Amino acid sequence: MHSLAIIPLYKLTAAAHYRPYFDDKLRTERMGGPGRWLGPAAPWLRLHDPVTLRDFEQLLPGRVSASATPERQDSRSSHAPLGWAVLLRADPTTTALWALGPVGARQRIARAHVGAARSALLQLETTLTGRTNSPLLSNHPASVMAVFNSGADETQRPCLQTTAFLLNFGLRPDGTSLSYREDQVAELSAQVQLHYGVSLAAMLDRYLGSYQAVFTEYRVHPPADLLTRLSNCPEGGQSKETVPPARTADELWARWRVRGEANHWGRDHALRLITLAKHAILIDRLSRDHFFGSRRAARQWLAAQIRMKAVRRVEARKVHQKQKAQTLRETKPIAAQSQSQTQGHSH
């Protein structure tokens, strides 16, 4: 199942959480990209992508740009967090399909995860600030967060994850600001996790097919510990020291593919699951038609269509081979005649 973690950032420990996302070497090893600003307060603060360490560290304590709005006007307790790290992680099956599937499916899964995470984070910001659908017409505060997407953890284990650093201040259109309590953010975790899960499932069904039907009817799952086997520490030991981290995304994709095949769950298995998902959603649509009346009838009809398509493909191949052979038979006498005429002229 997908997971969510909300970690408060305090002054003494905050750097350990956000610094790796600004390190080019570590970011490359984790298949991450530059950060992006998210939230309605970003335009007010005149923030531009990508997220820079200088801008982030300036905003983290609550200091905002003098050209945008004055510094926050509330008195925050010294024990209050500077912000929160919100980690949204896709479920293991979706991550395995993303890591081992073909390029087209990989891109669609990544797009679904990023879209679902963005929707959940905006829902978190809207619920936390209490804004309406027209934030410019209300005096409710607006927040900003720095969002980073990555595809691997520190052991280069496949990990389709979005990390958002929600800064602990809200800006109002009139220039005033406020901070949030830790319990306000913590009590929204279940709502954000549910929103992300529903959005991810809907986007995956739209892009690839019905995964739920595949899991319940076909019972096709990758092994529970497959993602750990794909990492540089497959046994959970200290093997990371003997396996240097991959330096490029292509190298890491190749490692995952080889390790997946070695564990009897590679690209062909991922492709089979994706194909079944496409067929499953088609069966769902067909079963809603009055002509079929049941999922079993729809499944039988679809299987017959697949067999018929395979037979037609074989017949078309035979016709093509027959035409090719006939063309060779017709051109062979002409070639022989022209060769004999050439020899006669030479004599």
Protein backbone atom coordinates (compact mmCIF):
# COMPACT_ATOMS: atom_id res chain seq x y z
CA MET A 1 0.00 0.00 0.00
CA HIS A 2 1.12 3.58 -0.59
CA SER A 3 2.52 5.39 2.42
CA LEU A 4 2.63 8.89 3.85
CA ALA A 5 4.94 10.39 6.45
CA ILE A 6 4.88 13.91 7.87
CA ILE A 7 8.10 14.86 9.64
CA PRO A 8 8.37 18.15 11.56
CA LEU A 9 11.52 20.17 10.80
CA TYR A 10 13.22 21.73 13.79
CA LYS A 11 16.15 24.13 13.77
CA LEU A 12 18.80 21.60 14.84
CA THR A 13 17.73 18.72 12.60
CA ALA A 14 16.13 20.37 9.57
CA ALA A 15 19.32 20.46 7.46
CA ALA A 16 19.70 16.67 7.61
CA HIS A 17 16.30 16.34 5.92
CA TYR A 18 16.53 18.92 3.13
CA ARG A 19 20.26 19.15 2.32
CA PRO A 20 20.42 15.88 0.29
CA TYR A 21 17.81 17.25 -2.13
CA PHE A 22 20.17 20.08 -3.07
CA ASP A 23 23.25 17.85 -3.49
CA ASP A 24 23.67 17.12 -7.22
CA LYS A 25 25.54 13.85 -6.62
CA LEU A 26 23.03 12.42 -4.16
CA ARG A 27 20.11 13.67 -6.23
CA THR A 28 21.46 11.87 -9.31
CA GLU A 29 21.98 8.63 -7.39
CA ARG A 30 18.37 8.80 -6.22
CA MET A 31 17.07 9.56 -9.74
CA GLY A 32 15.78 12.91 -8.55
CA GLY A 33 15.29 16.20 -10.31
CA PRO A 34 15.38 19.84 -9.28
CA GLY A 35 12.69 21.05 -6.94
CA ARG A 36 9.65 23.10 -7.88
CA TRP A 37 7.64 25.60 -5.87
CA LEU A 38 4.01 24.74 -5.22
CA GLY A 39 1.30 26.79 -3.57
CA PRO A 40 -0.47 30.10 -4.15
CA ALA A 41 2.05 31.99 -2.02
CA ALA A 42 4.86 31.28 -4.53
CA PRO A 43 3.76 34.03 -6.99
CA TRP A 44 3.30 36.48 -4.12
CA LEU A 45 6.90 35.82 -3.05
CA ARG A 46 8.10 35.99 -6.68
CA LEU A 47 9.65 32.55 -6.47
CA HIS A 48 10.82 30.89 -9.68
CA ASP A 49 11.70 27.29 -10.50
CA PRO A 50 13.93 25.49 -9.85
CA VAL A 51 14.15 25.72 -6.08
CA THR A 52 17.54 27.03 -4.96
CA LEU A 53 19.15 26.37 -1.61
CA ARG A 54 19.54 30.09 -1.00
CA ASP A 55 15.83 30.86 -1.45
CA PHE A 56 14.79 27.81 0.56
CA GLU A 57 17.02 28.57 3.55
CA GLN A 58 15.91 32.20 3.49
CA LEU A 59 12.25 31.23 3.66
CA LEU A 60 12.59 28.33 6.10
CA PRO A 61 12.88 30.49 9.26
CA GLY A 62 9.99 32.67 8.08
CA ARG A 63 12.03 35.45 6.44
CA VAL A 64 10.48 36.47 3.14
CA SER A 65 11.77 38.70 0.38
CA ALA A 66 11.55 42.39 1.14
CA SER A 67 10.34 43.07 -2.39
CA ALA A 68 7.33 40.79 -1.96
CA THR A 69 5.94 41.29 1.51
CA PRO A 70 7.20 42.23 4.98
CA GLU A 71 8.51 39.65 7.40
CA ARG A 72 6.01 37.54 9.27
CA GLN A 73 4.27 39.48 12.00
CA ASP A 74 3.35 36.72 14.42
CA SER A 75 5.52 35.57 17.30
CA ARG A 76 6.35 31.91 16.78
CA SER A 77 7.51 29.86 19.72
CA SER A 78 11.12 28.72 19.68
CA HIS A 79 9.84 25.13 19.98
CA ALA A 80 7.58 25.38 16.93
CA PRO A 81 8.77 23.54 13.80
CA LEU A 82 10.19 25.50 10.88
CA GLY A 83 8.12 23.39 8.57
CA TRP A 84 7.22 19.81 7.69
CA ALA A 85 8.61 17.23 5.29
CA VAL A 86 5.67 15.46 3.64
CA LEU A 87 6.69 12.16 2.02
CA LEU A 88 4.29 10.48 -0.41
CA ARG A 89 5.42 7.06 -1.61
CA ALA A 90 3.74 4.82 -4.20
CA ASP A 91 2.81 1.25 -3.31
CA PRO A 92 5.36 -1.54 -4.00
CA THR A 93 3.48 -3.03 -6.96
CA THR A 94 3.22 0.30 -8.78
CA THR A 95 6.87 1.00 -8.01
CA ALA A 96 7.92 -2.43 -9.34
CA LEU A 97 6.00 -1.83 -12.57
CA TRP A 98 7.64 1.58 -12.88
CA ALA A 99 11.12 0.15 -12.30
CA LEU A 100 10.83 -2.93 -14.55
CA GLY A 101 8.14 -2.07 -17.09
CA PRO A 102 8.65 -0.79 -20.65
CA VAL A 103 9.48 2.85 -21.25
CA GLY A 104 5.96 3.89 -22.23
CA ALA A 105 4.36 2.38 -19.13
CA ARG A 106 7.14 3.80 -16.97
CA GLN A 107 6.43 7.32 -18.17
CA ARG A 108 2.68 6.94 -17.58
CA ILE A 109 3.16 5.58 -14.07
CA ALA A 110 5.54 8.43 -13.18
CA ARG A 111 3.05 10.94 -14.58
CA ALA A 112 0.25 9.39 -12.53
CA HIS A 113 2.29 9.48 -9.32
CA VAL A 114 3.40 13.09 -9.80
CA GLY A 115 -0.14 14.19 -10.63
CA ALA A 116 -1.66 12.37 -7.65
CA ALA A 117 0.99 13.76 -5.28
CA ARG A 118 0.45 17.29 -6.56
CA SER A 119 -3.31 16.98 -6.09
CA ALA A 120 -2.91 15.65 -2.54
CA LEU A 121 -0.44 18.41 -1.59
CA LEU A 122 -2.72 21.13 -2.90
CA GLN A 123 -5.57 19.56 -0.93
CA LEU A 124 -3.37 19.67 2.18
CA GLU A 125 -2.58 23.35 1.62
CA THR A 126 -6.21 24.28 0.96
CA THR A 127 -7.51 22.43 4.02
CA LEU A 128 -4.77 23.78 6.28
CA THR A 129 -5.30 27.40 5.29
CA GLY A 130 -9.09 27.21 5.00
CA ARG A 131 -9.10 28.97 1.65
CA THR A 132 -12.03 28.94 -0.77
CA ASN A 133 -11.89 28.26 -4.50
CA SER A 134 -11.19 31.96 -5.03
CA PRO A 135 -8.16 32.63 -2.81
CA LEU A 136 -7.57 36.13 -4.18
CA LEU A 137 -11.03 37.19 -3.01
CA SER A 138 -10.56 36.00 0.57
CA ASN A 139 -8.27 37.03 3.38
CA HIS A 140 -7.28 33.45 4.25
CA PRO A 141 -3.52 32.75 4.29
CA ALA A 142 -1.69 31.00 1.48
CA SER A 143 1.27 28.66 1.93
CA VAL A 144 4.19 27.54 -0.17
CA MET A 145 6.15 24.30 -0.37
CA ALA A 146 9.23 23.02 -2.22
CA VAL A 147 8.46 19.74 -4.01
CA PHE A 148 11.07 17.14 -5.08
CA ASN A 149 10.44 13.90 -7.00
CA SER A 150 12.78 10.92 -6.80
CA GLY A 151 12.88 7.30 -7.91
CA ALA A 152 15.33 5.60 -5.53
CA ASP A 153 16.40 5.71 -1.90
CA GLU A 154 19.91 5.83 -0.42
CA THR A 155 20.55 2.15 -1.33
CA GLN A 156 19.22 2.76 -4.86
CA ARG A 157 16.17 0.66 -4.12
CA PRO A 158 13.26 1.59 -6.39
CA CYS A 159 11.22 4.15 -4.49
CA LEU A 160 8.72 6.29 -6.39
CA GLN A 161 8.46 9.17 -3.97
CA THR A 162 7.50 12.84 -3.76
CA THR A 163 8.93 14.91 -0.91
CA ALA A 164 7.38 18.28 -0.17
CA PHE A 165 8.79 20.73 2.36
CA LEU A 166 5.85 22.71 3.69
CA LEU A 167 7.12 25.94 5.24
CA ASN A 168 5.51 27.00 8.50
CA PHE A 169 4.05 30.33 7.54
CA GLY A 170 0.94 31.54 5.76
CA LEU A 171 0.73 34.82 3.89
CA ARG A 172 -2.42 36.88 3.52
CA PRO A 173 -3.06 39.23 0.58
CA ASP A 174 -2.88 42.22 2.95
CA GLY A 175 0.71 41.38 3.89
CA THR A 176 0.13 39.83 7.31
CA SER A 177 1.23 36.31 8.12
CA LEU A 178 0.75 33.53 10.63
CA SER A 179 2.16 30.13 11.56
CA TYR A 180 0.54 26.72 12.00
CA ARG A 181 0.49 24.39 14.96
CA GLU A 182 2.00 20.95 14.73
CA ASP A 183 -1.28 19.23 15.57
CA GLN A 184 -3.04 21.08 12.73
CA VAL A 185 -0.81 19.42 10.16
CA ALA A 186 -0.66 16.02 11.88
CA GLU A 187 -4.44 15.59 11.95
CA LEU A 188 -4.61 16.01 8.15
CA SER A 189 -2.29 13.06 7.42
CA ALA A 190 -5.09 10.49 6.97
CA GLN A 191 -7.00 12.81 4.63
CA VAL A 192 -3.91 13.49 2.49
CA GLN A 193 -3.03 9.79 2.29
CA LEU A 194 -6.56 8.89 1.21
CA HIS A 195 -6.63 11.67 -1.38
CA TYR A 196 -3.31 10.52 -2.83
CA GLY A 197 -4.39 6.88 -2.99
CA VAL A 198 -7.70 7.65 -4.71
CA SER A 199 -6.05 10.02 -7.20
CA LEU A 200 -3.26 7.56 -7.99
CA ALA A 201 -5.68 4.69 -8.59
CA ALA A 202 -7.86 6.84 -10.86
CA MET A 203 -4.89 8.05 -12.91
CA LEU A 204 -3.40 4.56 -13.23
CA ASP A 205 -6.75 3.19 -14.41
CA ARG A 206 -6.94 5.98 -16.96
CA TYR A 207 -3.38 5.54 -18.22
CA LEU A 208 -2.86 1.77 -18.02
CA GLY A 209 -6.02 -0.14 -17.01
CA SER A 210 -7.81 -1.60 -14.02
CA TYR A 211 -5.20 -2.76 -11.51
CA GLN A 212 -7.78 -3.64 -8.90
CA ALA A 213 -9.37 -6.21 -11.19
CA VAL A 214 -5.95 -7.70 -11.93
CA PHE A 215 -5.14 -8.10 -8.24
CA THR A 216 -8.50 -9.58 -7.24
CA GLU A 217 -9.18 -11.84 -10.25
CA TYR A 218 -5.81 -12.73 -11.77
CA ARG A 219 -3.86 -12.40 -8.48
CA VAL A 220 -0.72 -11.21 -10.22
CA HIS A 221 1.65 -9.62 -7.72
CA PRO A 222 5.41 -9.16 -7.68
CA PRO A 223 7.21 -10.79 -4.73
CA ALA A 224 6.87 -8.85 -1.47
CA ASP A 225 10.63 -8.32 -1.15
CA LEU A 226 11.30 -7.63 -4.84
CA LEU A 227 12.18 -3.95 -4.33
CA THR A 228 14.75 -4.88 -1.67
CA ARG A 229 16.30 -7.43 -4.04
CA LEU A 230 16.69 -4.72 -6.66
CA SER A 231 18.70 -2.48 -4.33
CA ASN A 232 22.46 -2.38 -3.77
CA CYS A 233 21.85 -4.13 -0.42
CA PRO A 234 19.64 -7.10 -1.45
CA GLU A 235 20.25 -8.97 1.80
CA GLY A 236 19.99 -5.94 4.05
CA GLY A 237 23.68 -6.20 4.93
CA GLN A 238 26.70 -4.06 4.16
CA SER A 239 26.92 -5.01 0.50
CA LYS A 240 26.55 -1.37 -0.49
CA GLU A 241 30.29 -0.97 0.09
CA THR A 242 31.12 -3.56 -2.57
CA VAL A 243 28.51 -2.35 -5.06
CA PRO A 244 29.25 1.22 -6.12
CA PRO A 245 26.15 3.31 -6.76
CA ALA A 246 25.03 3.81 -10.34
CA ARG A 247 25.94 7.26 -11.63
CA THR A 248 23.30 7.62 -14.32
CA ALA A 249 19.63 6.76 -14.64
CA ASP A 250 20.27 4.43 -17.60
CA GLU A 251 22.82 2.46 -15.59
CA LEU A 252 20.39 2.10 -12.73
CA TRP A 253 17.55 1.00 -15.05
CA ALA A 254 19.88 -1.68 -16.46
CA ARG A 255 20.80 -2.91 -12.96
CA TRP A 256 17.17 -3.18 -11.94
CA ARG A 257 16.33 -5.09 -15.10
CA VAL A 258 19.17 -7.60 -14.59
CA ARG A 259 18.37 -8.07 -10.89
CA GLY A 260 14.67 -8.47 -11.66
CA GLU A 261 15.37 -11.23 -14.20
CA ALA A 262 17.68 -12.93 -11.70
CA ASN A 263 14.79 -12.96 -9.20
CA HIS A 264 12.35 -14.34 -11.79
CA TRP A 265 10.34 -11.13 -12.09
CA GLY A 266 11.53 -8.96 -14.93
CA ARG A 267 10.28 -6.89 -17.81
CA ASP A 268 8.08 -9.67 -19.26
CA HIS A 269 6.24 -10.09 -15.95
CA ALA A 270 5.65 -6.35 -15.66
CA LEU A 271 4.41 -6.23 -19.25
CA ARG A 272 2.04 -9.15 -18.59
CA LEU A 273 0.53 -7.39 -15.60
CA ILE A 274 0.06 -4.19 -17.60
CA THR A 275 -1.56 -6.14 -20.45
CA LEU A 276 -3.92 -7.88 -18.03
CA ALA A 277 -4.82 -4.50 -16.55
CA LYS A 278 -5.77 -3.19 -19.98
CA HIS A 279 -7.91 -6.27 -20.64
CA ALA A 280 -9.49 -6.04 -17.18
CA ILE A 281 -10.71 -2.49 -17.67
CA LEU A 282 -12.08 -3.47 -21.09
CA ILE A 283 -13.95 -6.36 -19.44
CA ASP A 284 -15.40 -3.91 -16.91
CA ARG A 285 -16.70 -1.73 -19.72
CA LEU A 286 -18.08 -4.68 -21.68
CA SER A 287 -19.83 -6.19 -18.66
CA ARG A 288 -21.81 -2.98 -18.22
CA ASP A 289 -23.28 -3.51 -21.67
CA HIS A 290 -26.69 -5.23 -21.66
CA PHE A 291 -25.49 -7.50 -24.44
CA PHE A 292 -23.15 -9.39 -22.07
CA GLY A 293 -24.82 -9.05 -18.70
CA SER A 294 -21.90 -10.51 -16.72
CA ARG A 295 -18.15 -10.22 -16.40
CA ARG A 296 -17.73 -13.89 -17.31
CA ALA A 297 -19.48 -13.43 -20.66
CA ALA A 298 -17.42 -10.32 -21.35
CA ARG A 299 -14.21 -12.16 -20.47
CA GLN A 300 -15.09 -15.05 -22.79
CA TRP A 301 -15.91 -12.66 -25.62
CA LEU A 302 -12.62 -10.80 -25.14
CA ALA A 303 -10.64 -14.06 -25.10
CA ALA A 304 -12.33 -15.07 -28.36
CA GLN A 305 -11.45 -11.72 -29.90
CA ILE A 306 -7.81 -12.12 -28.86
CA ARG A 307 -7.67 -15.64 -30.35
CA MET A 308 -9.32 -14.42 -33.55
CA LYS A 309 -6.81 -11.60 -33.82
CA ALA A 310 -3.93 -14.06 -33.39
CA VAL A 311 -5.38 -16.35 -36.10
CA ARG A 312 -5.75 -13.43 -38.47
CA ARG A 313 -2.16 -12.42 -37.80
CA VAL A 314 -0.94 -15.93 -38.67
CA GLU A 315 -3.07 -16.00 -41.84
CA ALA A 316 -1.77 -12.60 -42.92
CA ARG A 317 1.80 -13.83 -42.41
CA LYS A 318 1.12 -16.92 -44.57
CA VAL A 319 -0.38 -14.77 -47.33
CA HIS A 320 2.63 -12.47 -47.23
CA GLN A 321 5.04 -15.42 -47.46
CA LYS A 322 3.07 -16.92 -50.38
CA GLN A 323 3.13 -13.61 -52.26
CA LYS A 324 6.83 -13.28 -51.63
CA ALA A 325 7.50 -16.81 -52.96
CA GLN A 326 5.39 -16.17 -56.05
CA THR A 327 7.26 -12.96 -56.75
CA LEU A 328 10.56 -14.82 -56.52
CA ARG A 329 9.33 -17.51 -58.94
CA GLU A 330 8.24 -14.89 -61.46
CA THR A 331 11.46 -12.91 -61.30
CA LYS A 332 13.80 -15.92 -61.41
CA PRO A 333 13.28 -16.80 -65.18
CA ILE A 334 13.67 -13.14 -66.11
CA ALA A 335 16.92 -12.92 -64.20
CA ALA A 336 18.20 -16.14 -65.80
CA GLN A 337 17.27 -14.93 -69.31
CA SER A 338 19.01 -11.61 -68.85
CA GLN A 339 22.11 -13.39 -67.55
CA SER A 340 22.22 -15.69 -70.62
CA GLN A 341 21.86 -12.72 -72.96
CA THR A 342 24.72 -11.01 -71.23
CA GLN A 343 26.94 -14.08 -71.63
CA GLY A 344 25.99 -14.34 -75.36
CA HIS A 345 27.04 -10.76 -76.00
CA SER A 346 30.33 -11.32 -74.26
CA HIS A 347 31.17 -14.25 -76.60
